[in-house]
């Protein structure tokens, strides 16, 4: 549904660092699981349907450990037994990871102060149920801990170095639209707008909000003020 621009450094560099972090920081309880970030990367880089199918067959039904998953959508139905449905962004493969948190301890982790919200990051362990070119579906999930958005060493993503760089692009409407990192807060409306108005509605919402911000920033610049 949407794509993210390429990182400042090669994605494989990200995972050489990721491997070091996981080797140093993984506890025995999750050491026996597969590396979910690696699976996402290899799956996104697969050149053919056959290659993707083989990777999915190998991964399907087995638990995987994912880190640095940034929450893009969150729907809380835990009060009625429906759990918390989350769509998260895996930063090196540019794929969505979708899952529903139902386990009591994991729900408690999400609701601990500060309560997890759109924009925050999680580390999870879950069984790979399925995948397509844009999305990985995870089955029963354990939320391991609230996470950071990327490894500690350095800044890996272009948008972290330059907040005017493209952070998010959407091509589902009649016209493509892109957000910079400084406008990332608009993504909190993604689920609601798509649900109510569809793909073109989301495109138009982003266009209208960005136009307002562009006008406000131009006026602030002319007046010698700064604006976010």
C-alpha atoms as a PDB file:
ATOM      1  CA  UNK A   1       0.000   0.000   0.000  1.00  0.00           C
ATOM      2  CA  UNK A   2       2.843   2.388   0.677  1.00  0.00           C
ATOM      3  CA  UNK A   3       6.585   2.436   0.302  1.00  0.00           C
ATOM      4  CA  UNK A   4       9.421   3.972   2.277  1.00  0.00           C
ATOM      5  CA  UNK A   5      12.436   5.572   0.627  1.00  0.00           C
ATOM      6  CA  UNK A   6      15.820   3.890   0.811  1.00  0.00           C
ATOM      7  CA  UNK A   7      17.979   4.361   3.846  1.00  0.00           C
ATOM      8  CA  UNK A   8      21.132   6.458   4.044  1.00  0.00           C
ATOM      9  CA  UNK A   9      23.282   3.340   4.319  1.00  0.00           C
ATOM     10  CA  UNK A  10      22.732  -0.111   2.759  1.00  0.00           C
ATOM     11  CA  UNK A  11      20.106  -2.186   4.474  1.00  0.00           C
ATOM     12  CA  UNK A  12      22.557  -4.996   5.022  1.00  0.00           C
ATOM     13  CA  UNK A  13      24.657  -2.671   7.162  1.00  0.00           C
ATOM     14  CA  UNK A  14      21.592  -2.178   9.329  1.00  0.00           C
ATOM     15  CA  UNK A  15      21.396  -5.902   9.859  1.00  0.00           C
ATOM     16  CA  UNK A  16      25.079  -6.418  10.534  1.00  0.00           C
ATOM     17  CA  UNK A  17      24.531  -4.017  13.413  1.00  0.00           C
ATOM     18  CA  UNK A  18      21.238  -5.679  14.287  1.00  0.00           C
ATOM     19  CA  UNK A  19      22.897  -9.077  14.505  1.00  0.00           C
ATOM     20  CA  UNK A  20      25.457  -7.696  16.966  1.00  0.00           C
ATOM     21  CA  UNK A  21      22.738  -6.122  19.078  1.00  0.00           C
ATOM     22  CA  UNK A  22      20.702  -9.319  19.170  1.00  0.00           C
ATOM     23  CA  UNK A  23      23.703 -11.495  20.002  1.00  0.00           C
ATOM     24  CA  UNK A  24      24.600  -9.230  22.887  1.00  0.00           C
ATOM     25  CA  UNK A  25      21.108  -8.576  24.160  1.00  0.00           C
ATOM     26  CA  UNK A  26      18.967 -11.634  23.450  1.00  0.00           C
ATOM     27  CA  UNK A  27      17.881 -13.626  26.475  1.00  0.00           C
ATOM     28  CA  UNK A  28      17.800 -17.461  26.452  1.00  0.00           C
ATOM     29  CA  UNK A  29      13.996 -17.576  26.282  1.00  0.00           C
ATOM     30  CA  UNK A  30      14.036 -16.062  22.782  1.00  0.00           C
ATOM     31  CA  UNK A  31      17.423 -17.283  21.570  1.00  0.00           C
ATOM     32  CA  UNK A  32      15.810 -20.424  20.109  1.00  0.00           C
ATOM     33  CA  UNK A  33      13.505 -18.403  17.865  1.00  0.00           C
ATOM     34  CA  UNK A  34      14.379 -17.216  14.366  1.00  0.00           C
ATOM     35  CA  UNK A  35      15.338 -13.643  13.594  1.00  0.00           C
ATOM     36  CA  UNK A  36      12.179 -11.965  12.293  1.00  0.00           C
ATOM     37  CA  UNK A  37      13.993  -8.870  11.052  1.00  0.00           C
ATOM     38  CA  UNK A  38      16.223 -11.062   8.896  1.00  0.00           C
ATOM     39  CA  UNK A  39      13.192 -12.866   7.484  1.00  0.00           C
ATOM     40  CA  UNK A  40      11.530  -9.529   6.639  1.00  0.00           C
ATOM     41  CA  UNK A  41      14.681  -8.294   4.900  1.00  0.00           C
ATOM     42  CA  UNK A  42      15.256 -11.444   2.849  1.00  0.00           C
ATOM     43  CA  UNK A  43      11.569 -11.676   1.925  1.00  0.00           C
ATOM     44  CA  UNK A  44      11.473  -8.043   0.761  1.00  0.00           C
ATOM     45  CA  UNK A  45      14.600  -8.566  -1.360  1.00  0.00           C
ATOM     46  CA  UNK A  46      13.393 -11.793  -3.000  1.00  0.00           C
ATOM     47  CA  UNK A  47      13.465 -11.428  -6.791  1.00  0.00           C
ATOM     48  CA  UNK A  48      10.783 -13.938  -7.759  1.00  0.00           C
ATOM     49  CA  UNK A  49       7.495 -15.338  -6.472  1.00  0.00           C
ATOM     50  CA  UNK A  50       9.159 -18.739  -6.167  1.00  0.00           C
ATOM     51  CA  UNK A  51      11.879 -17.325  -3.942  1.00  0.00           C
ATOM     52  CA  UNK A  52       9.320 -15.580  -1.723  1.00  0.00           C
ATOM     53  CA  UNK A  53       7.267 -18.772  -1.566  1.00  0.00           C
ATOM     54  CA  UNK A  54      10.288 -20.800  -0.480  1.00  0.00           C
ATOM     55  CA  UNK A  55      11.192 -18.274   2.221  1.00  0.00           C
ATOM     56  CA  UNK A  56       7.615 -18.218   3.512  1.00  0.00           C
ATOM     57  CA  UNK A  57       7.391 -22.019   3.546  1.00  0.00           C
ATOM     58  CA  UNK A  58      10.544 -22.162   5.628  1.00  0.00           C
ATOM     59  CA  UNK A  59       9.366 -19.482   8.055  1.00  0.00           C
ATOM     60  CA  UNK A  60       5.674 -20.301   8.319  1.00  0.00           C
ATOM     61  CA  UNK A  61       4.527 -21.799  11.610  1.00  0.00           C
ATOM     62  CA  UNK A  62       7.766 -20.985  13.445  1.00  0.00           C
ATOM     63  CA  UNK A  63       8.281 -18.271  16.073  1.00  0.00           C
ATOM     64  CA  UNK A  64      10.323 -15.235  15.079  1.00  0.00           C
ATOM     65  CA  UNK A  65      11.766 -12.414  17.162  1.00  0.00           C
ATOM     66  CA  UNK A  66      11.281  -8.881  15.790  1.00  0.00           C
ATOM     67  CA  UNK A  67      12.837  -5.708  17.104  1.00  0.00           C
ATOM     68  CA  UNK A  68      12.422  -1.993  16.249  1.00  0.00           C
ATOM     69  CA  UNK A  69       8.787  -2.383  15.102  1.00  0.00           C
ATOM     70  CA  UNK A  70       7.272   1.106  14.964  1.00  0.00           C
ATOM     71  CA  UNK A  71       3.530   1.190  15.654  1.00  0.00           C
ATOM     72  CA  UNK A  72       1.697   2.768  12.705  1.00  0.00           C
ATOM     73  CA  UNK A  73      -1.872   1.749  13.609  1.00  0.00           C
ATOM     74  CA  UNK A  74      -3.320   0.580  16.935  1.00  0.00           C
ATOM     75  CA  UNK A  75      -6.901  -0.503  17.652  1.00  0.00           C
ATOM     76  CA  UNK A  76      -7.706  -1.418  21.247  1.00  0.00           C
ATOM     77  CA  UNK A  77     -10.590  -3.884  21.669  1.00  0.00           C
ATOM     78  CA  UNK A  78      -9.131  -5.543  24.758  1.00  0.00           C
ATOM     79  CA  UNK A  79     -12.044  -4.425  26.957  1.00  0.00           C
ATOM     80  CA  UNK A  80     -14.367  -6.658  24.911  1.00  0.00           C
ATOM     81  CA  UNK A  81     -11.885  -9.528  24.535  1.00  0.00           C
ATOM     82  CA  UNK A  82     -10.735  -8.573  21.040  1.00  0.00           C
ATOM     83  CA  UNK A  83      -7.173  -7.757  22.017  1.00  0.00           C
ATOM     84  CA  UNK A  84      -5.102  -4.907  20.583  1.00  0.00           C
ATOM     85  CA  UNK A  85      -4.634  -4.996  16.811  1.00  0.00           C
ATOM     86  CA  UNK A  86      -1.369  -3.438  15.666  1.00  0.00           C
ATOM     87  CA  UNK A  87       0.166  -2.632  12.300  1.00  0.00           C
ATOM     88  CA  UNK A  88       3.867  -1.903  12.736  1.00  0.00           C
ATOM     89  CA  UNK A  89       6.651  -0.820  10.399  1.00  0.00           C
ATOM     90  CA  UNK A  90       9.812  -2.922  10.085  1.00  0.00           C
ATOM     91  CA  UNK A  91      12.504  -0.320   9.308  1.00  0.00           C
ATOM     92  CA  UNK A  92      14.973  -2.082   7.028  1.00  0.00           C
ATOM     93  CA  UNK A  93      12.628  -4.172   4.852  1.00  0.00           C
ATOM     94  CA  UNK A  94      10.010  -1.371   4.608  1.00  0.00           C
ATOM     95  CA  UNK A  95       7.315  -4.002   5.306  1.00  0.00           C
ATOM     96  CA  UNK A  96       4.254  -3.857   7.558  1.00  0.00           C
ATOM     97  CA  UNK A  97       4.030  -6.413  10.353  1.00  0.00           C
ATOM     98  CA  UNK A  98       0.463  -7.085  11.504  1.00  0.00           C
ATOM     99  CA  UNK A  99      -0.544  -8.871  14.696  1.00  0.00           C
ATOM    100  CA  UNK A 100      -3.117  -8.919  17.505  1.00  0.00           C
ATOM    101  CA  UNK A 101      -1.957  -8.864  21.126  1.00  0.00           C
ATOM    102  CA  UNK A 102      -4.218 -11.003  23.329  1.00  0.00           C
ATOM    103  CA  UNK A 103      -2.047 -12.467  26.089  1.00  0.00           C
ATOM    104  CA  UNK A 104      -2.639 -10.887  29.484  1.00  0.00           C
ATOM    105  CA  UNK A 105       1.004 -10.180  30.298  1.00  0.00           C
ATOM    106  CA  UNK A 106       1.608  -8.667  26.863  1.00  0.00           C
ATOM    107  CA  UNK A 107      -1.487  -6.465  27.155  1.00  0.00           C
ATOM    108  CA  UNK A 108      -0.203  -5.304  30.516  1.00  0.00           C
ATOM    109  CA  UNK A 109       3.151  -4.431  28.935  1.00  0.00           C
ATOM    110  CA  UNK A 110       1.442  -2.292  26.290  1.00  0.00           C
ATOM    111  CA  UNK A 111      -0.626  -0.475  28.901  1.00  0.00           C
ATOM    112  CA  UNK A 112       2.180   0.176  31.359  1.00  0.00           C
ATOM    113  CA  UNK A 113       2.996   3.856  31.779  1.00  0.00           C
ATOM    114  CA  UNK A 114       3.823   5.349  29.334  1.00  0.00           C
ATOM    115  CA  UNK A 115       1.074   3.564  27.393  1.00  0.00           C
ATOM    116  CA  UNK A 116       2.217   2.355  23.958  1.00  0.00           C
ATOM    117  CA  UNK A 117       0.875   4.540  21.144  1.00  0.00           C
ATOM    118  CA  UNK A 118       1.319   5.200  17.438  1.00  0.00           C
ATOM    119  CA  UNK A 119       4.949   6.088  16.813  1.00  0.00           C
ATOM    120  CA  UNK A 120       6.347   3.950  19.631  1.00  0.00           C
ATOM    121  CA  UNK A 121       8.409   0.801  19.045  1.00  0.00           C
ATOM    122  CA  UNK A 122       8.004  -2.777  20.258  1.00  0.00           C
ATOM    123  CA  UNK A 123       9.977  -6.007  20.382  1.00  0.00           C
ATOM    124  CA  UNK A 124       7.810  -9.091  19.897  1.00  0.00           C
ATOM    125  CA  UNK A 125       7.999 -12.831  19.427  1.00  0.00           C
ATOM    126  CA  UNK A 126       5.330 -14.420  17.253  1.00  0.00           C
ATOM    127  CA  UNK A 127       4.583 -17.171  14.766  1.00  0.00           C
ATOM    128  CA  UNK A 128       4.708 -16.245  11.079  1.00  0.00           C
ATOM    129  CA  UNK A 129       1.271 -16.991   9.634  1.00  0.00           C
ATOM    130  CA  UNK A 130       1.594 -15.491   6.171  1.00  0.00           C
ATOM    131  CA  UNK A 131       3.161 -12.773   4.037  1.00  0.00           C
ATOM    132  CA  UNK A 132       2.717 -10.907   0.790  1.00  0.00           C
ATOM    133  CA  UNK A 133       4.911  -8.325  -0.920  1.00  0.00           C
ATOM    134  CA  UNK A 134       4.059  -5.605   1.624  1.00  0.00           C
ATOM    135  CA  UNK A 135       2.882  -7.292   4.818  1.00  0.00           C
ATOM    136  CA  UNK A 136       3.888 -10.035   7.235  1.00  0.00           C
ATOM    137  CA  UNK A 137       1.120 -11.557   9.356  1.00  0.00           C
ATOM    138  CA  UNK A 138       2.089 -12.798  12.813  1.00  0.00           C
ATOM    139  CA  UNK A 139      -0.065 -15.205  14.848  1.00  0.00           C
ATOM    140  CA  UNK A 140       0.086 -15.648  18.635  1.00  0.00           C
ATOM    141  CA  UNK A 141       2.290 -12.821  19.900  1.00  0.00           C
ATOM    142  CA  UNK A 142       4.291 -12.111  23.024  1.00  0.00           C
ATOM    143  CA  UNK A 143       5.301  -8.483  23.554  1.00  0.00           C
ATOM    144  CA  UNK A 144       8.845  -8.800  24.881  1.00  0.00           C
ATOM    145  CA  UNK A 145       9.383  -5.162  25.732  1.00  0.00           C
ATOM    146  CA  UNK A 146       8.925  -1.594  24.574  1.00  0.00           C
ATOM    147  CA  UNK A 147      11.768  -0.937  22.198  1.00  0.00           C
ATOM    148  CA  UNK A 148      13.717   1.837  20.542  1.00  0.00           C
ATOM    149  CA  UNK A 149      13.229   2.623  16.872  1.00  0.00           C
ATOM    150  CA  UNK A 150      16.710   1.583  15.719  1.00  0.00           C
ATOM    151  CA  UNK A 151      20.048   0.266  17.020  1.00  0.00           C
ATOM    152  CA  UNK A 152      21.936   2.661  19.281  1.00  0.00           C
ATOM    153  CA  UNK A 153      25.032   3.121  17.142  1.00  0.00           C
ATOM    154  CA  UNK A 154      24.641   6.035  14.769  1.00  0.00           C
ATOM    155  CA  UNK A 155      21.687   7.112  12.710  1.00  0.00           C
ATOM    156  CA  UNK A 156      20.747   4.519  10.103  1.00  0.00           C
ATOM    157  CA  UNK A 157      17.800   6.131   8.367  1.00  0.00           C
ATOM    158  CA  UNK A 158      18.032   9.116   6.041  1.00  0.00           C
ATOM    159  CA  UNK A 159      15.029  10.789   7.694  1.00  0.00           C
ATOM    160  CA  UNK A 160      16.816  10.673  11.065  1.00  0.00           C
ATOM    161  CA  UNK A 161      19.665  12.732   9.616  1.00  0.00           C
ATOM    162  CA  UNK A 162      17.511  15.054   7.513  1.00  0.00           C
ATOM    163  CA  UNK A 163      13.961  15.716   8.705  1.00  0.00           C
ATOM    164  CA  UNK A 164      13.068  17.102   5.270  1.00  0.00           C
ATOM    165  CA  UNK A 165      13.783  13.726   3.656  1.00  0.00           C
ATOM    166  CA  UNK A 166      10.870  11.538   2.594  1.00  0.00           C
ATOM    167  CA  UNK A 167       9.695   9.335   5.455  1.00  0.00           C
ATOM    168  CA  UNK A 168       6.513   7.827   3.974  1.00  0.00           C
ATOM    169  CA  UNK A 169       5.003   7.617   0.489  1.00  0.00           C
ATOM    170  CA  UNK A 170       1.442   6.577  -0.369  1.00  0.00           C
ATOM    171  CA  UNK A 171       0.439   5.554  -3.883  1.00  0.00           C
ATOM    172  CA  UNK A 172      -2.997   4.042  -3.236  1.00  0.00           C
ATOM    173  CA  UNK A 173      -4.955   7.088  -4.439  1.00  0.00           C
ATOM    174  CA  UNK A 174      -5.115   8.835  -7.793  1.00  0.00           C
ATOM    175  CA  UNK A 175      -1.955  10.786  -6.998  1.00  0.00           C
ATOM    176  CA  UNK A 176       1.123   9.774  -5.012  1.00  0.00           C
ATOM    177  CA  UNK A 177       1.736  11.748  -1.829  1.00  0.00           C
ATOM    178  CA  UNK A 178       4.793  11.793   0.446  1.00  0.00           C
ATOM    179  CA  UNK A 179       5.491  12.874   4.016  1.00  0.00           C
ATOM    180  CA  UNK A 180       8.719  14.150   5.485  1.00  0.00           C
ATOM    181  CA  UNK A 181       9.832  13.035   8.922  1.00  0.00           C
ATOM    182  CA  UNK A 182       8.684  16.294  10.521  1.00  0.00           C
ATOM    183  CA  UNK A 183       5.115  15.557   9.336  1.00  0.00           C
ATOM    184  CA  UNK A 184       5.102  11.961  10.607  1.00  0.00           C
ATOM    185  CA  UNK A 185       2.432  12.813  13.218  1.00  0.00           C
ATOM    186  CA  UNK A 186      -0.160  12.749  10.412  1.00  0.00           C
ATOM    187  CA  UNK A 187       0.199   8.965  10.267  1.00  0.00           C
ATOM    188  CA  UNK A 188      -1.753   8.644  13.517  1.00  0.00           C
ATOM    189  CA  UNK A 189      -4.896   9.351  11.432  1.00  0.00           C
ATOM    190  CA  UNK A 190      -4.139   6.676   8.822  1.00  0.00           C
ATOM    191  CA  UNK A 191      -6.413   3.911  10.103  1.00  0.00           C
ATOM    192  CA  UNK A 192      -9.372   6.207  10.786  1.00  0.00           C
ATOM    193  CA  UNK A 193      -9.244   8.044   7.451  1.00  0.00           C
ATOM    194  CA  UNK A 194      -8.715   4.900   5.372  1.00  0.00           C
ATOM    195  CA  UNK A 195     -11.594   3.189   7.208  1.00  0.00           C
ATOM    196  CA  UNK A 196     -14.024   6.079   6.712  1.00  0.00           C
ATOM    197  CA  UNK A 197     -13.027   7.508   3.335  1.00  0.00           C
ATOM    198  CA  UNK A 198     -10.893   4.912   1.580  1.00  0.00           C
ATOM    199  CA  UNK A 199      -7.636   5.244  -0.320  1.00  0.00           C
ATOM    200  CA  UNK A 200      -8.466   8.445  -2.187  1.00  0.00           C
ATOM    201  CA  UNK A 201      -9.767   9.987   1.037  1.00  0.00           C
ATOM    202  CA  UNK A 202      -6.419   9.294   2.729  1.00  0.00           C
ATOM    203  CA  UNK A 203      -4.576  10.840  -0.226  1.00  0.00           C
ATOM    204  CA  UNK A 204      -6.745  13.964  -0.111  1.00  0.00           C
ATOM    205  CA  UNK A 205      -6.441  14.251   3.677  1.00  0.00           C
ATOM    206  CA  UNK A 206      -2.643  14.204   3.439  1.00  0.00           C
ATOM    207  CA  UNK A 207      -2.629  16.708   0.560  1.00  0.00           C
ATOM    208  CA  UNK A 208      -4.881  19.121   2.447  1.00  0.00           C
ATOM    209  CA  UNK A 209      -2.944  18.884   5.716  1.00  0.00           C
ATOM    210  CA  UNK A 210       0.410  19.277   3.977  1.00  0.00           C
ATOM    211  CA  UNK A 211      -0.883  22.313   2.072  1.00  0.00           C
ATOM    212  CA  UNK A 212      -1.948  23.933   5.365  1.00  0.00           C
ATOM    213  CA  UNK A 213       1.437  23.255   6.923  1.00  0.00           C
ATOM    214  CA  UNK A 214       3.324  24.515   3.892  1.00  0.00           C
ATOM    215  CA  UNK A 215       1.369  27.769   4.028  1.00  0.00           C
ATOM    216  CA  UNK A 216       1.913  28.136   7.785  1.00  0.00           C
ATOM    217  CA  UNK A 217       5.640  27.470   7.481  1.00  0.00           C
ATOM    218  CA  UNK A 218       5.999  29.961   4.635  1.00  0.00           C
ATOM    219  CA  UNK A 219       4.198  32.618   6.667  1.00  0.00           C
ATOM    220  CA  UNK A 220       6.317  31.879   9.730  1.00  0.00           C
ATOM    221  CA  UNK A 221       9.509  32.047   7.695  1.00  0.00           C
ATOM    222  CA  UNK A 222       8.491  35.390   6.215  1.00  0.00           C
ATOM    223  CA  UNK A 223       7.779  36.709   9.704  1.00  0.00           C
ATOM    224  CA  UNK A 224      11.110  35.412  10.960  1.00  0.00           C
ATOM    225  CA  UNK A 225       9.585  32.743  13.187  1.00  0.00           C
ATOM    226  CA  UNK A 226      10.168  28.995  13.284  1.00  0.00           C
ATOM    227  CA  UNK A 227       7.347  26.471  13.048  1.00  0.00           C
ATOM    228  CA  UNK A 228       7.348  22.665  13.280  1.00  0.00           C
END
